Amino acid sequence: MKVLRFVSLFFGLGFAVSANAAPDPNFHIYLAFGQSNMEGQANIESQDKTVDKRFQVLWTTNETNCGKKLGKWSDAVPPLASCSSKLGPADYFGRTMVEKTDSQIRVGIVDVAVAGCSIQLFDSPVSQSYMNQQAGWFKQRVEAYGGKPYERLIEMAKKAQEDGVIKGIIFHQGETDAGDGQWPSKVKKVYDNIIKDLGLGNDVPFLAGEVLRSGSSRGANNNIAKLPQQSKNFYVISSEGFNQALGDGQNVHFTSQEYRDFGKRYAEKMIEVLGDKIKPVAAASSSSEAPSSSSVESSSSESSSSVAESSSSVVASSNSTVGGIVIPNAMYSVSVGRVAFAGDFVQVPLSLSKAGFVNIRLYSVLGTEVASVSRLLSSGLSNVLISKRKVPAGVYMMSVMTSSSYIVQRVNLQ
């Protein structure tokens, strides 16, 4: 009875099935930021008004006048940065990523851009003296990001990480800072802050586009060319052949077709740099009835030998033993294999005798919940992936719950 009271207490402290889905490893997120060219300045034409639903944008401002709500995903029909922006390189970057990657892959963009801004706008905190020098329209545009564009980029990127995995960054800025020889190192500082604030790895590619070679800001290309000296992760996307310009008087912005082509160049380079990292994680189960990747966070099937290493299991019988805890009337079997880090995830191998919902939770040794995932899995072997962003190496208690069974076991992640 003491054991049963412990189980009741443990699961009574919030072990309801979570409604929060873990990040989908096949939902690839890209951050986009910069100034007017990243905002998008060319006309949105008929060919741009339909988009594959695999390409999504997470809205970074709250603009009810055009039906856009902060922090909500929607089909990536331009504009992507704000209701007042137009077609830009992010549009066909995303479309090309969808077109040239596996059909299981979805692509999401988080876009923060302000026309005419210096790289200083992405300092944290932004300099008040810099803002005091700006025109009213500029301040209004910045205010759309809560007055803090960098913080908004990070806030929305963290929200995106709840749904997918950040794979890279695209950037177009520098026209305003063409005469600043320190610009490359300032860009590197912003990049380093992004990596740190989002808990990303040391291999996130950063793609920066050149400005128009015939425009009034063409000197910025001298700075942009120096970016790869700042980091092995920095790459320059050429603007060669783009010389039609938008006709804005200063030859600063690209035409609609040039933005389309520019976006494709960004995407082709991103695909080249990421290589195998852009391949999809296999479906949750070998069963033909396995749920789609949009509803299942699980990974590739594991061999039976892995599940044979199971440290805990529930077996179909009138009474089942779970890690030393007796659970009466278990309805069907579930086994847990060796739990370990796998890339950016904690991998939990499971074997189920029948399809059903499974909830997995990780708790620190102090009893604090650090991660939770609920998934509908098919029968057989599955790997459930949990983002390790908030799960450093250490010892945890792990709970696995099905509709009729519990497992509680100790997990040592190294």
Protein backbone atom coordinates (compact mmCIF):
# COMPACT_ATOMS: atom_id res chain seq x y z
CA MET A 1 0.00 0.00 0.00
CA LYS A 2 2.91 2.37 0.68
CA VAL A 3 4.15 1.80 -2.85
CA LEU A 4 0.74 2.54 -4.31
CA ARG A 5 0.45 5.70 -2.24
CA PHE A 6 3.83 6.80 -3.62
CA VAL A 7 2.69 6.19 -7.17
CA SER A 8 -0.57 8.06 -6.56
CA LEU A 9 1.32 10.97 -5.03
CA PHE A 10 3.90 11.07 -7.81
CA PHE A 11 1.40 11.11 -10.62
CA GLY A 12 -1.05 13.24 -8.71
CA LEU A 13 1.50 16.03 -8.68
CA GLY A 14 0.71 16.99 -12.24
CA PHE A 15 1.14 13.85 -14.24
CA ALA A 16 -1.80 14.62 -16.48
CA VAL A 17 -1.13 14.11 -20.18
CA SER A 18 0.56 17.26 -21.39
CA ALA A 19 -0.96 19.23 -24.22
CA ASN A 20 2.45 20.69 -25.11
CA ALA A 21 4.15 18.96 -28.00
CA ALA A 22 7.91 18.58 -28.05
CA PRO A 23 9.83 20.18 -30.93
CA ASP A 24 9.43 18.42 -34.27
CA PRO A 25 12.96 17.62 -35.54
CA ASN A 26 11.61 17.80 -39.10
CA PHE A 27 10.40 21.39 -38.64
CA HIS A 28 13.47 23.44 -39.57
CA ILE A 29 13.52 27.02 -38.29
CA TYR A 30 15.58 29.83 -39.82
CA LEU A 31 16.08 33.28 -38.32
CA ALA A 32 16.10 36.25 -40.70
CA PHE A 33 17.08 39.79 -39.73
CA GLY A 34 18.48 42.98 -41.18
CA GLN A 35 17.32 46.24 -42.72
CA SER A 36 15.20 47.24 -45.71
CA ASN A 37 16.26 44.52 -48.13
CA MET A 38 15.48 41.83 -45.56
CA GLU A 39 12.16 43.55 -44.90
CA GLY A 40 11.37 43.25 -48.60
CA GLN A 41 10.83 46.23 -50.88
CA ALA A 42 9.64 44.84 -54.23
CA ASN A 43 6.10 44.31 -55.46
CA ILE A 44 4.34 41.09 -54.49
CA GLU A 45 3.11 39.62 -57.78
CA SER A 46 0.54 36.95 -58.57
CA GLN A 47 3.12 34.16 -58.63
CA ASP A 48 4.11 35.04 -55.05
CA LYS A 49 0.63 34.83 -53.52
CA THR A 50 0.40 31.07 -53.16
CA VAL A 51 2.84 29.01 -51.13
CA ASP A 52 3.34 25.41 -50.05
CA LYS A 53 1.90 24.93 -46.56
CA ARG A 54 5.17 23.33 -45.55
CA PHE A 55 6.60 26.86 -45.49
CA GLN A 56 5.45 28.82 -42.44
CA VAL A 57 6.21 32.20 -40.88
CA LEU A 58 6.05 33.04 -37.18
CA TRP A 59 4.70 36.56 -36.95
CA THR A 60 7.03 38.86 -34.97
CA THR A 61 4.67 41.83 -34.65
CA ASN A 62 1.04 42.25 -33.68
CA GLU A 63 -0.76 43.83 -36.64
CA THR A 64 -4.48 43.25 -36.50
CA ASN A 65 -5.04 45.52 -39.50
CA CYS A 66 -3.75 42.71 -41.70
CA GLY A 67 -4.84 39.83 -39.53
CA LYS A 68 -1.39 39.01 -38.15
CA LYS A 69 -0.96 38.08 -34.51
CA LEU A 70 2.31 38.08 -32.61
CA GLY A 71 3.70 34.61 -32.01
CA LYS A 72 1.34 32.79 -34.37
CA TRP A 73 2.38 30.58 -37.28
CA SER A 74 0.76 31.07 -40.67
CA ASP A 75 1.40 30.10 -44.28
CA ALA A 76 4.38 32.13 -45.50
CA VAL A 77 2.53 34.29 -48.03
CA PRO A 78 4.37 37.62 -48.31
CA PRO A 79 4.93 39.97 -46.67
CA LEU A 80 6.81 38.15 -43.93
CA ALA A 81 8.33 40.92 -41.77
CA SER A 82 5.40 43.32 -41.36
CA CYS A 83 2.15 44.28 -43.00
CA SER A 84 3.89 47.22 -44.68
CA SER A 85 6.81 45.22 -46.08
CA LYS A 86 6.84 43.54 -49.48
CA LEU A 87 8.70 40.75 -51.27
CA GLY A 88 12.17 40.00 -49.93
CA PRO A 89 14.89 37.31 -49.99
CA ALA A 90 13.35 35.33 -47.12
CA ASP A 91 10.35 34.49 -49.30
CA TYR A 92 12.17 32.44 -51.90
CA PHE A 93 14.75 31.23 -49.43
CA GLY A 94 11.96 29.37 -47.65
CA ARG A 95 10.24 28.26 -50.82
CA THR A 96 13.47 26.84 -52.21
CA MET A 97 14.29 25.08 -48.94
CA VAL A 98 10.90 23.36 -49.14
CA GLU A 99 11.31 22.56 -52.81
CA LYS A 100 14.80 21.07 -52.52
CA THR A 101 14.48 19.11 -49.28
CA ASP A 102 12.59 15.95 -48.39
CA SER A 103 8.81 16.19 -48.35
CA GLN A 104 8.84 15.38 -44.61
CA ILE A 105 10.65 18.64 -43.89
CA ARG A 106 8.74 21.78 -42.96
CA VAL A 107 10.39 25.19 -42.95
CA GLY A 108 9.68 28.11 -40.63
CA ILE A 109 10.94 31.70 -40.81
CA VAL A 110 11.28 34.17 -37.93
CA ASP A 111 11.84 37.58 -39.56
CA VAL A 112 12.77 40.84 -37.80
CA ALA A 113 13.87 43.74 -40.02
CA VAL A 114 13.80 47.54 -39.91
CA ALA A 115 14.49 49.72 -42.96
CA GLY A 116 17.48 52.02 -42.63
CA CYS A 117 18.78 50.49 -39.41
CA SER A 118 22.39 50.19 -38.32
CA ILE A 119 23.70 46.97 -36.82
CA GLN A 120 23.48 48.93 -33.56
CA LEU A 121 19.72 48.31 -33.55
CA PHE A 122 20.46 44.66 -32.76
CA ASP A 123 22.53 45.47 -29.70
CA SER A 124 21.02 44.42 -26.40
CA PRO A 125 20.03 46.78 -24.98
CA VAL A 126 19.73 49.11 -27.96
CA SER A 127 21.52 52.43 -27.44
CA GLN A 128 19.13 55.17 -26.42
CA SER A 129 21.43 57.78 -27.93
CA TYR A 130 21.20 55.94 -31.26
CA MET A 131 17.42 55.87 -31.06
CA ASN A 132 17.25 59.57 -30.16
CA GLN A 133 18.86 60.39 -33.51
CA GLN A 134 16.25 58.56 -35.55
CA ALA A 135 13.23 59.89 -37.43
CA GLY A 136 9.67 59.42 -36.18
CA TRP A 137 8.78 56.79 -38.78
CA PHE A 138 11.86 54.76 -37.78
CA LYS A 139 10.94 54.87 -34.10
CA GLN A 140 7.42 53.77 -34.96
CA ARG A 141 8.75 50.81 -36.89
CA VAL A 142 11.00 49.84 -33.98
CA GLU A 143 8.08 50.18 -31.61
CA ALA A 144 6.27 47.47 -33.59
CA TYR A 145 8.91 45.15 -32.10
CA GLY A 146 8.22 46.41 -28.60
CA GLY A 147 11.02 48.95 -28.95
CA LYS A 148 13.56 46.12 -28.75
CA PRO A 149 14.08 44.31 -32.08
CA TYR A 150 16.84 42.03 -30.82
CA GLU A 151 14.83 40.95 -27.79
CA ARG A 152 11.81 40.33 -30.01
CA LEU A 153 13.92 38.17 -32.35
CA ILE A 154 15.08 36.09 -29.39
CA GLU A 155 11.61 35.91 -27.85
CA MET A 156 10.05 34.63 -31.07
CA ALA A 157 13.00 32.32 -31.78
CA LYS A 158 12.48 30.69 -28.38
CA LYS A 159 8.81 30.28 -29.17
CA ALA A 160 9.74 28.71 -32.50
CA GLN A 161 12.05 26.30 -30.65
CA GLU A 162 8.99 24.92 -28.89
CA ASP A 163 7.80 23.68 -32.30
CA GLY A 164 10.94 22.99 -34.28
CA VAL A 165 14.73 23.14 -34.46
CA ILE A 166 16.76 26.21 -35.46
CA LYS A 167 19.02 25.25 -38.34
CA GLY A 168 20.50 28.54 -39.54
CA ILE A 169 20.40 32.33 -39.86
CA ILE A 170 20.05 34.53 -42.94
CA PHE A 171 21.04 38.19 -42.79
CA HIS A 172 20.92 41.25 -45.01
CA GLN A 173 22.16 44.48 -43.52
CA GLY A 174 25.11 46.82 -43.90
CA GLU A 175 23.98 49.52 -46.30
CA THR A 176 23.65 52.01 -43.45
CA ASP A 177 27.03 50.98 -42.00
CA ALA A 178 29.03 50.99 -45.25
CA GLY A 179 31.60 53.38 -43.80
CA ASP A 180 32.05 51.55 -40.48
CA GLY A 181 35.22 49.44 -40.52
CA GLN A 182 34.20 47.77 -37.25
CA TRP A 183 30.96 46.47 -38.74
CA PRO A 184 32.15 42.86 -39.30
CA SER A 185 33.10 42.44 -35.63
CA LYS A 186 29.81 44.05 -34.55
CA VAL A 187 27.90 41.51 -36.64
CA LYS A 188 29.92 38.71 -35.02
CA LYS A 189 28.93 40.08 -31.59
CA VAL A 190 25.24 39.91 -32.51
CA TYR A 191 25.69 36.38 -33.82
CA ASP A 192 27.45 35.28 -30.63
CA ASN A 193 24.64 36.75 -28.54
CA ILE A 194 22.02 34.88 -30.58
CA ILE A 195 23.86 31.59 -30.15
CA LYS A 196 24.23 32.13 -26.41
CA ASP A 197 20.70 33.42 -25.78
CA LEU A 198 19.09 30.53 -27.67
CA GLY A 199 21.39 27.81 -26.39
CA LEU A 200 22.46 26.85 -29.92
CA GLY A 201 25.50 24.84 -30.96
CA ASN A 202 28.77 26.15 -32.34
CA ASP A 203 27.98 25.19 -35.93
CA VAL A 204 24.93 27.31 -36.85
CA PRO A 205 25.48 28.75 -40.34
CA PHE A 206 25.12 32.51 -40.82
CA LEU A 207 24.52 33.63 -44.42
CA ALA A 208 24.96 37.32 -45.29
CA GLY A 209 23.92 38.76 -48.63
CA GLU A 210 25.84 41.34 -50.61
CA VAL A 211 24.26 44.67 -51.50
CA LEU A 212 23.77 45.85 -55.08
CA ARG A 213 27.15 46.27 -56.72
CA SER A 214 26.09 49.35 -58.64
CA GLY A 215 24.13 51.05 -55.87
CA SER A 216 24.93 53.96 -53.62
CA SER A 217 25.75 51.55 -50.78
CA ARG A 218 28.03 49.30 -52.81
CA GLY A 219 30.91 50.06 -50.45
CA ALA A 220 29.22 47.86 -47.86
CA ASN A 221 30.34 44.85 -49.87
CA ASN A 222 33.90 45.51 -48.67
CA ASN A 223 32.70 44.91 -45.13
CA ILE A 224 30.51 41.96 -46.07
CA ALA A 225 33.45 40.26 -47.78
CA LYS A 226 35.31 40.26 -44.45
CA LEU A 227 32.60 38.43 -42.52
CA PRO A 228 34.02 34.90 -43.14
CA GLN A 229 37.15 36.06 -41.30
CA GLN A 230 35.02 36.44 -38.18
CA SER A 231 33.77 32.85 -38.01
CA LYS A 232 33.95 29.54 -39.81
CA ASN A 233 30.14 29.64 -39.78
CA PHE A 234 29.90 32.87 -41.83
CA TYR A 235 29.21 32.77 -45.56
CA VAL A 236 28.61 35.50 -48.16
CA ILE A 237 25.81 35.25 -50.71
CA SER A 238 26.77 36.99 -53.94
CA SER A 239 24.68 39.71 -55.60
CA GLU A 240 26.53 39.30 -58.89
CA GLY A 241 24.28 39.88 -61.89
CA PHE A 242 21.69 41.83 -59.89
CA ASN A 243 21.87 45.27 -61.45
CA GLN A 244 18.35 46.18 -62.49
CA ALA A 245 17.57 47.77 -59.10
CA LEU A 246 14.14 48.85 -58.02
CA GLY A 247 14.32 52.41 -59.30
CA ASP A 248 14.30 53.97 -55.84
CA GLY A 249 16.70 56.73 -56.81
CA GLN A 250 19.71 55.29 -55.01
CA ASN A 251 19.85 51.77 -56.43
CA VAL A 252 19.68 50.22 -52.96
CA HIS A 253 16.84 47.71 -53.36
CA PHE A 254 16.42 44.70 -55.61
CA THR A 255 13.59 43.97 -58.04
CA SER A 256 11.00 41.26 -57.42
CA GLN A 257 12.81 38.80 -59.68
CA GLU A 258 16.16 39.61 -58.11
CA TYR A 259 14.72 38.95 -54.65
CA ARG A 260 13.44 35.61 -55.88
CA ASP A 261 16.83 34.69 -57.31
CA PHE A 262 18.62 36.02 -54.24
CA GLY A 263 16.46 33.88 -51.96
CA LYS A 264 17.30 30.83 -54.05
CA ARG A 265 21.01 31.59 -53.68
CA TYR A 266 20.64 31.78 -49.91
CA ALA A 267 18.81 28.45 -49.88
CA GLU A 268 21.24 26.65 -52.13
CA LYS A 269 24.13 27.71 -49.91
CA MET A 270 22.26 26.73 -46.75
CA ILE A 271 21.57 23.28 -48.18
CA GLU A 272 25.23 22.92 -49.16
CA VAL A 273 26.48 23.96 -45.71
CA LEU A 274 24.03 21.88 -43.68
CA GLY A 275 24.57 18.72 -45.71
CA ASP A 276 23.21 15.68 -43.86
CA LYS A 277 21.82 17.90 -41.10
CA ILE A 278 18.99 18.80 -43.42
CA LYS A 279 17.86 15.21 -43.90
CA PRO A 280 14.62 14.21 -42.18
CA VAL A 281 14.47 12.22 -38.98
CA ALA A 282 12.74 8.93 -39.75
CA ALA A 283 9.09 8.41 -38.88
CA ALA A 284 8.10 7.29 -35.42
CA SER A 285 7.36 3.68 -36.34
CA SER A 286 7.74 1.25 -39.17
CA SER A 287 3.99 0.69 -39.05
CA SER A 288 2.15 1.94 -42.12
CA GLU A 289 -0.39 3.44 -39.73
CA ALA A 290 2.17 5.66 -37.97
CA PRO A 291 0.98 9.24 -37.38
CA SER A 292 2.32 12.03 -39.57
CA SER A 293 5.38 14.08 -38.56
CA SER A 294 3.12 17.02 -37.78
CA SER A 295 1.64 15.14 -34.86
CA VAL A 296 4.49 12.85 -33.84
CA GLU A 297 7.83 14.00 -32.44
CA SER A 298 9.29 10.52 -32.54
CA SER A 299 12.42 9.49 -34.39
CA SER A 300 13.78 6.52 -36.29
CA SER A 301 13.00 2.94 -35.36
CA GLU A 302 15.55 1.15 -33.23
CA SER A 303 16.62 -2.45 -33.47
CA SER A 304 15.17 -4.91 -30.99
CA SER A 305 18.59 -5.21 -29.36
CA SER A 306 18.36 -1.61 -28.18
CA VAL A 307 15.00 -2.15 -26.56
CA ALA A 308 16.36 -5.36 -25.05
CA GLU A 309 18.57 -3.07 -22.95
CA SER A 310 15.37 -1.82 -21.32
CA SER A 311 15.83 -0.80 -17.71
CA SER A 312 12.08 -0.86 -16.93
CA SER A 313 8.96 -2.35 -18.41
CA VAL A 314 5.29 -3.00 -17.85
CA VAL A 315 4.11 -6.44 -18.90
CA ALA A 316 0.55 -7.52 -19.70
CA SER A 317 -0.66 -9.39 -16.65
CA SER A 318 -2.94 -9.00 -13.67
CA ASN A 319 -0.08 -7.42 -11.71
CA SER A 320 3.03 -5.80 -13.18
CA THR A 321 6.29 -4.65 -11.64
CA VAL A 322 7.60 -1.24 -12.65
CA GLY A 323 11.05 -0.33 -11.42
CA GLY A 324 10.21 -2.00 -8.10
CA ILE A 325 6.70 -0.45 -8.01
CA VAL A 326 3.71 -2.77 -8.47
CA ILE A 327 0.99 -1.41 -10.77
CA PRO A 328 -2.19 -3.57 -10.81
CA ASN A 329 -4.12 -4.51 -13.94
CA ALA A 330 -1.63 -3.36 -16.57
CA MET A 331 -3.45 -3.60 -19.92
CA TYR A 332 -0.56 -4.00 -22.32
CA SER A 333 3.23 -3.99 -22.40
CA VAL A 334 5.56 -1.03 -22.79
CA SER A 335 9.34 -1.23 -22.60
CA VAL A 336 11.94 1.52 -22.39
CA GLY A 337 15.36 1.08 -23.93
CA ARG A 338 18.59 2.91 -23.16
CA VAL A 339 17.91 6.64 -22.84
CA ALA A 340 20.78 8.77 -24.17
CA PHE A 341 21.71 12.00 -25.89
CA ALA A 342 21.46 11.88 -29.70
CA GLY A 343 22.55 15.12 -31.36
CA ASP A 344 20.29 17.94 -30.18
CA PHE A 345 17.90 15.56 -28.47
CA VAL A 346 17.37 13.11 -25.64
CA GLN A 347 16.37 9.85 -27.32
CA VAL A 348 13.91 7.56 -25.52
CA PRO A 349 13.50 4.16 -27.24
CA LEU A 350 10.07 2.65 -26.62
CA SER A 351 8.37 -0.62 -27.53
CA LEU A 352 4.56 -0.78 -27.31
CA SER A 353 2.36 -3.81 -27.82
CA LYS A 354 -0.47 -1.60 -29.10
CA ALA A 355 -0.89 1.95 -30.40
CA GLY A 356 -1.78 4.69 -27.96
CA PHE A 357 -0.82 7.96 -26.30
CA VAL A 358 2.41 8.01 -24.33
CA ASN A 359 3.51 10.79 -21.98
CA ILE A 360 7.16 11.09 -20.97
CA ARG A 361 8.42 13.48 -18.31
CA LEU A 362 11.90 14.19 -16.97
CA TYR A 363 12.42 15.47 -13.45
CA SER A 364 15.58 16.79 -11.81
CA VAL A 365 16.84 15.12 -8.64
CA LEU A 366 15.10 17.93 -6.75
CA GLY A 367 11.77 16.97 -8.31
CA THR A 368 11.50 19.86 -10.77
CA GLU A 369 10.02 18.97 -14.16
CA VAL A 370 12.51 19.86 -16.89
CA ALA A 371 10.88 18.33 -19.98
CA SER A 372 7.60 16.77 -21.08
CA VAL A 373 6.30 15.26 -24.30
CA SER A 374 3.02 13.53 -25.21
CA ARG A 375 2.77 11.54 -28.42
CA LEU A 376 0.41 9.18 -30.19
CA LEU A 377 2.57 6.19 -31.18
CA SER A 378 1.92 3.13 -33.25
CA SER A 379 2.61 -0.33 -31.90
CA GLY A 380 6.14 -1.61 -32.21
CA LEU A 381 9.46 0.18 -31.87
CA SER A 382 9.74 3.98 -31.73
CA ASN A 383 12.27 6.57 -30.67
CA VAL A 384 10.79 9.61 -28.96
CA LEU A 385 12.99 12.70 -29.10
CA ILE A 386 13.03 15.41 -26.44
CA SER A 387 14.93 18.64 -27.02
CA LYS A 388 18.01 18.71 -24.81
CA ARG A 389 18.04 22.51 -24.70
CA LYS A 390 16.86 22.43 -21.08
CA VAL A 391 18.29 19.03 -20.22
CA PRO A 392 22.00 19.23 -19.39
CA ALA A 393 24.00 16.15 -18.56
CA GLY A 394 23.07 14.70 -15.19
CA VAL A 395 20.82 12.30 -13.30
CA TYR A 396 17.04 12.47 -13.74
CA MET A 397 13.90 10.59 -12.82
CA MET A 398 11.88 9.68 -15.91
CA SER A 399 8.17 8.84 -15.97
CA VAL A 400 6.48 7.02 -18.86
CA MET A 401 2.69 6.89 -18.80
CA THR A 402 0.24 5.18 -21.12
CA SER A 403 -3.52 4.94 -20.73
CA SER A 404 -3.11 2.02 -18.33
CA SER A 405 0.56 1.74 -17.36
CA TYR A 406 3.29 3.67 -15.53
CA ILE A 407 7.05 3.39 -15.54
CA VAL A 408 9.28 5.35 -13.16
CA GLN A 409 13.03 4.97 -13.59
CA ARG A 410 16.33 6.70 -12.98
CA VAL A 411 18.14 8.05 -16.06
CA ASN A 412 21.81 9.04 -16.19
CA LEU A 413 22.48 11.30 -19.19
CA GLN A 414 26.14 11.89 -20.06
